[in-house]
Amino acid sequence: MSRSRSASAGLVVGAAGAALLVWAGWKWMQSRKKKIKPSKVVVAVTGFGSFKGVAANPTEVLVKSLLQHLKGNKLPKTVAVDRASVLEVSGEGCKESLQGIRDSCFLLQGQHRVWLHFGVDAKSNCFKLERKAWNEADFRCADERGWQPQKETIYAEDGPLNKALLSDLPVSSMLRRLRRQGFNVKSSTDPGRFVCNWIYYISLRWAKGASTNQDGSPCEDSLFVHVPPFSEVPREKQMEFCHALLSCLGECMCT
């Protein structure tokens, strides 16, 4: 009986080992797959209007001026701005606007859609690329519709307040390129818990739920960028940064 049990145990261990080897081989083959690079990145740019404490939002100025700026300052052929929209600083308002943009921003074969959100950090003196968003709405003041959630989840079904979603964009590569061009730019993992984080979490969630390419990589991404006030970095320099960031997206994603 003891010998029979020992043999059975040996068979189970052997089968488990074989299964592990098959799984490891599959993972290795997946890692060897050549990533499919998109032929073009199509960007939907958003900024915010004024809100309590910020009477003149620099992102509203930047976004409203962007398309005109691009007429005289062409982007690489690998990237195009589909639209540039100013959102209301309210949870439901900006979500409604974003849904409308998403419904009409079509995706052609071989194109990669990116949400590029801009918001102001009134206390900053540099640009910040936000790597993640949190499943938490904890507004320091009421939004433009009078809503002020306190320690609430954005999506209850996603889990606790400390649940985070990460951008799949090559933020580190983008940082290096932008710094080489002389921009004072950093990465951040704390976009706050106001409307900036709210809309970023929603767009990241949509992006991760979108269809994927043949290699399993996402065909939709999102990035939130905090900009300083114009008193810290002048409007002209900030517009240069916007142009450089868009160019960076095309270069990092398509080449």
Protein backbone atom coordinates (compact mmCIF):
# COMPACT_ATOMS: atom_id res chain seq x y z
CA MET A 1 0.00 0.00 0.00
CA SER A 2 2.84 2.36 0.93
CA ARG A 3 4.64 1.64 -2.33
CA SER A 4 1.43 2.25 -4.34
CA ARG A 5 0.87 5.60 -2.63
CA SER A 6 4.46 6.57 -3.27
CA ALA A 7 4.11 5.76 -6.96
CA SER A 8 0.86 7.74 -7.19
CA ALA A 9 2.49 10.71 -5.51
CA GLY A 10 5.35 10.48 -7.94
CA LEU A 11 2.96 10.54 -10.88
CA VAL A 12 1.18 13.63 -9.50
CA VAL A 13 4.47 15.45 -8.96
CA GLY A 14 5.65 14.45 -12.41
CA ALA A 15 2.44 15.67 -14.04
CA ALA A 16 2.63 18.95 -12.12
CA GLY A 17 6.24 19.40 -13.19
CA ALA A 18 5.37 18.75 -16.81
CA ALA A 19 2.49 21.23 -16.66
CA LEU A 20 4.80 23.83 -15.14
CA LEU A 21 7.32 23.30 -17.93
CA VAL A 22 4.60 23.69 -20.57
CA TRP A 23 3.37 26.91 -18.91
CA ALA A 24 6.92 28.28 -18.65
CA GLY A 25 7.52 27.47 -22.32
CA TRP A 26 4.31 29.22 -23.33
CA LYS A 27 5.26 32.31 -21.29
CA TRP A 28 8.69 32.36 -22.95
CA MET A 29 7.14 32.13 -26.40
CA GLN A 30 4.75 34.97 -25.53
CA SER A 31 7.66 37.14 -24.41
CA ARG A 32 9.45 36.42 -27.71
CA LYS A 33 6.51 37.62 -29.79
CA LYS A 34 7.30 40.76 -31.68
CA LYS A 35 5.22 43.66 -30.46
CA ILE A 36 3.03 45.18 -33.14
CA LYS A 37 3.77 48.88 -33.42
CA PRO A 38 0.88 51.09 -34.56
CA SER A 39 1.27 53.02 -37.78
CA LYS A 40 -0.13 56.13 -36.15
CA VAL A 41 -1.16 57.47 -32.76
CA VAL A 42 -4.42 59.43 -32.70
CA VAL A 43 -4.77 61.68 -29.67
CA ALA A 44 -7.83 63.14 -27.96
CA VAL A 45 -6.58 66.06 -25.85
CA THR A 46 -8.51 67.47 -22.91
CA GLY A 47 -8.02 70.35 -20.47
CA PHE A 48 -10.16 71.89 -17.77
CA GLY A 49 -11.98 75.17 -17.31
CA SER A 50 -11.87 77.38 -14.23
CA PHE A 51 -12.82 76.13 -10.78
CA LYS A 52 -12.67 77.19 -7.16
CA GLY A 53 -9.19 78.56 -6.44
CA VAL A 54 -8.17 78.67 -10.12
CA ALA A 55 -9.97 81.48 -11.93
CA ALA A 56 -7.82 81.16 -15.05
CA ASN A 57 -6.88 77.58 -15.82
CA PRO A 58 -3.76 77.37 -18.03
CA THR A 59 -4.92 74.06 -19.51
CA GLU A 60 -8.01 75.78 -20.93
CA VAL A 61 -5.77 78.29 -22.70
CA LEU A 62 -3.40 75.59 -23.96
CA VAL A 63 -6.11 73.27 -25.25
CA LYS A 64 -8.07 76.07 -26.94
CA SER A 65 -4.89 77.26 -28.68
CA LEU A 66 -3.49 73.83 -29.56
CA LEU A 67 -5.09 73.16 -32.95
CA GLN A 68 -4.20 76.64 -34.22
CA HIS A 69 -0.64 76.18 -32.96
CA LEU A 70 -0.33 72.87 -34.81
CA LYS A 71 -1.23 74.50 -38.12
CA GLY A 72 2.07 76.34 -38.07
CA ASN A 73 4.03 73.74 -36.13
CA LYS A 74 3.50 70.37 -37.74
CA LEU A 75 3.66 67.12 -35.79
CA PRO A 76 5.46 63.99 -37.05
CA LYS A 77 3.39 61.83 -39.40
CA THR A 78 3.14 59.18 -36.68
CA VAL A 79 0.85 61.28 -34.50
CA ALA A 80 -2.28 63.35 -35.02
CA VAL A 81 -4.64 65.25 -32.73
CA ASP A 82 -8.20 64.18 -33.43
CA ARG A 83 -9.69 66.85 -31.18
CA ALA A 84 -8.92 69.16 -28.28
CA SER A 85 -11.68 69.74 -25.73
CA VAL A 86 -12.10 71.74 -22.53
CA LEU A 87 -13.98 69.83 -19.84
CA GLU A 88 -16.11 71.14 -17.02
CA VAL A 89 -14.48 70.68 -13.61
CA SER A 90 -17.13 68.33 -12.30
CA GLY A 91 -17.21 64.57 -11.92
CA GLU A 92 -20.36 63.90 -13.93
CA GLY A 93 -19.82 66.76 -16.37
CA CYS A 94 -16.39 65.69 -17.54
CA LYS A 95 -17.43 62.02 -17.64
CA GLU A 96 -20.36 62.90 -19.92
CA SER A 97 -18.09 64.93 -22.20
CA LEU A 98 -15.48 62.20 -22.31
CA GLN A 99 -18.09 59.61 -23.24
CA GLY A 100 -19.26 61.82 -26.09
CA ILE A 101 -15.71 62.20 -27.37
CA ARG A 102 -15.12 58.46 -27.14
CA ASP A 103 -18.29 57.64 -29.05
CA SER A 104 -17.25 59.85 -31.98
CA CYS A 105 -13.47 59.42 -31.96
CA PHE A 106 -13.18 56.56 -34.43
CA LEU A 107 -10.30 54.14 -34.55
CA LEU A 108 -8.94 53.02 -37.94
CA GLN A 109 -6.98 49.82 -38.48
CA GLY A 110 -3.38 50.25 -37.38
CA GLN A 111 -4.07 53.41 -35.37
CA HIS A 112 -3.62 53.68 -31.64
CA ARG A 113 -5.86 56.00 -29.64
CA VAL A 114 -4.46 57.94 -26.68
CA TRP A 115 -6.29 60.11 -24.18
CA LEU A 116 -4.03 62.98 -23.20
CA HIS A 117 -5.47 64.86 -20.23
CA PHE A 118 -4.03 68.13 -18.96
CA GLY A 119 -4.72 69.59 -15.53
CA VAL A 120 -3.10 72.33 -13.46
CA ASP A 121 -1.10 71.86 -10.27
CA ALA A 122 -1.25 75.37 -8.82
CA LYS A 123 1.64 74.65 -6.43
CA SER A 124 4.06 73.14 -8.94
CA ASN A 125 6.91 74.67 -10.93
CA CYS A 126 7.36 71.74 -13.33
CA PHE A 127 5.47 69.35 -15.60
CA LYS A 128 4.41 65.99 -14.16
CA LEU A 129 3.52 62.84 -16.08
CA GLU A 130 1.13 60.89 -13.88
CA ARG A 131 1.79 57.14 -13.99
CA LYS A 132 -1.36 55.97 -12.19
CA ALA A 133 -4.85 56.87 -11.02
CA TRP A 134 -6.64 55.73 -7.89
CA ASN A 135 -10.14 54.37 -7.32
CA GLU A 136 -10.89 57.18 -4.89
CA ALA A 137 -12.93 60.37 -5.08
CA ASP A 138 -12.08 62.65 -2.17
CA PHE A 139 -12.74 66.19 -3.38
CA ARG A 140 -11.10 68.95 -1.33
CA CYS A 141 -13.91 71.29 -2.43
CA ALA A 142 -17.20 70.96 -4.26
CA ASP A 143 -16.92 70.58 -8.04
CA GLU A 144 -18.65 72.95 -10.47
CA ARG A 145 -21.95 71.10 -9.99
CA GLY A 146 -21.76 71.24 -6.20
CA TRP A 147 -20.71 67.61 -5.70
CA GLN A 148 -18.11 66.84 -3.04
CA PRO A 149 -17.55 63.13 -2.46
CA GLN A 150 -15.51 62.16 0.58
CA LYS A 151 -13.49 58.93 0.56
CA GLU A 152 -15.76 57.31 -2.05
CA THR A 153 -14.78 54.70 -4.61
CA ILE A 154 -15.09 55.75 -8.25
CA TYR A 155 -16.16 52.21 -9.20
CA ALA A 156 -17.26 50.15 -6.20
CA GLU A 157 -16.90 46.92 -8.18
CA ASP A 158 -13.17 47.62 -8.70
CA GLY A 159 -12.38 47.16 -5.02
CA PRO A 160 -11.02 49.45 -2.31
CA LEU A 161 -9.88 53.07 -2.39
CA ASN A 162 -6.24 52.05 -2.77
CA LYS A 163 -6.90 50.22 -6.03
CA ALA A 164 -4.73 51.84 -8.72
CA LEU A 165 -4.63 51.65 -12.53
CA LEU A 166 -1.34 52.28 -14.33
CA SER A 167 -0.81 53.86 -17.72
CA ASP A 168 0.64 51.43 -20.28
CA LEU A 169 2.41 54.22 -22.14
CA PRO A 170 6.25 54.29 -22.11
CA VAL A 171 6.45 57.07 -19.54
CA SER A 172 10.13 56.50 -18.70
CA SER A 173 11.17 56.78 -22.36
CA MET A 174 9.06 59.88 -22.78
CA LEU A 175 10.62 61.47 -19.71
CA ARG A 176 14.14 60.91 -21.05
CA ARG A 177 13.29 62.43 -24.42
CA LEU A 178 11.58 65.46 -22.89
CA ARG A 179 14.40 66.09 -20.45
CA ARG A 180 16.94 65.96 -23.26
CA GLN A 181 14.97 68.78 -24.85
CA GLY A 182 15.43 70.87 -21.72
CA PHE A 183 12.00 70.54 -20.11
CA ASN A 184 11.65 70.38 -16.33
CA VAL A 185 9.46 67.29 -16.19
CA LYS A 186 9.00 64.57 -13.58
CA SER A 187 6.96 61.43 -13.12
CA SER A 188 4.35 61.16 -10.37
CA THR A 189 2.12 58.52 -8.85
CA ASP A 190 -0.17 60.94 -7.04
CA PRO A 191 -2.58 62.90 -9.25
CA GLY A 192 -4.57 63.97 -6.18
CA ARG A 193 -8.11 62.78 -5.51
CA PHE A 194 -10.03 65.61 -7.18
CA VAL A 195 -11.48 65.68 -10.70
CA CYS A 196 -8.03 65.14 -12.28
CA ASN A 197 -7.73 61.70 -10.69
CA TRP A 198 -11.44 61.02 -11.29
CA ILE A 199 -11.27 61.47 -15.05
CA TYR A 200 -7.88 59.75 -15.31
CA TYR A 201 -9.15 56.63 -13.53
CA ILE A 202 -12.20 56.50 -15.79
CA SER A 203 -10.23 56.87 -19.03
CA LEU A 204 -7.61 54.31 -17.91
CA ARG A 205 -10.42 51.90 -17.09
CA TRP A 206 -11.98 52.41 -20.50
CA ALA A 207 -8.61 51.96 -22.19
CA LYS A 208 -7.92 48.69 -20.40
CA GLY A 209 -11.35 47.43 -21.36
CA ALA A 210 -10.90 48.30 -25.04
CA SER A 211 -10.07 45.77 -27.74
CA THR A 212 -6.47 44.64 -28.10
CA ASN A 213 -4.00 44.14 -30.93
CA GLN A 214 -3.07 40.70 -32.24
CA ASP A 215 -0.14 40.51 -29.80
CA GLY A 216 -2.42 41.23 -26.86
CA SER A 217 -1.21 44.80 -26.34
CA PRO A 218 -3.86 47.51 -25.84
CA CYS A 219 -4.96 49.69 -28.75
CA GLU A 220 -6.04 52.49 -26.43
CA ASP A 221 -4.06 54.26 -23.71
CA SER A 222 -4.33 57.24 -21.40
CA LEU A 223 -1.98 59.71 -19.76
CA PHE A 224 -2.62 62.59 -17.38
CA VAL A 225 -0.20 65.51 -17.29
CA HIS A 226 -0.12 68.17 -14.62
CA VAL A 227 1.20 71.55 -15.73
CA PRO A 228 2.31 74.48 -13.55
CA PRO A 229 0.69 77.94 -13.59
CA PHE A 230 1.82 80.40 -16.27
CA SER A 231 3.47 82.42 -13.49
CA GLU A 232 5.95 79.54 -13.09
CA VAL A 233 6.32 78.47 -16.72
CA PRO A 234 5.20 80.97 -19.40
CA ARG A 235 2.47 80.13 -21.88
CA GLU A 236 4.85 79.94 -24.86
CA LYS A 237 7.09 77.42 -23.07
CA GLN A 238 4.11 75.34 -22.05
CA MET A 239 2.86 75.23 -25.62
CA GLU A 240 6.32 74.06 -26.70
CA PHE A 241 6.05 71.32 -24.10
CA CYS A 242 2.63 70.21 -25.42
CA HIS A 243 4.05 69.97 -28.94
CA ALA A 244 7.11 68.05 -27.73
CA LEU A 245 4.95 65.67 -25.69
CA LEU A 246 2.71 64.88 -28.66
CA SER A 247 5.74 64.30 -30.88
CA CYS A 248 7.17 62.07 -28.18
CA LEU A 249 4.06 59.91 -28.20
CA GLY A 250 4.40 59.24 -31.91
CA GLU A 251 8.13 58.54 -31.69
CA CYS A 252 7.90 56.22 -28.67
CA MET A 253 4.86 54.28 -29.88
CA CYS A 254 5.51 53.94 -33.60
CA THR A 255 9.30 53.85 -34.14
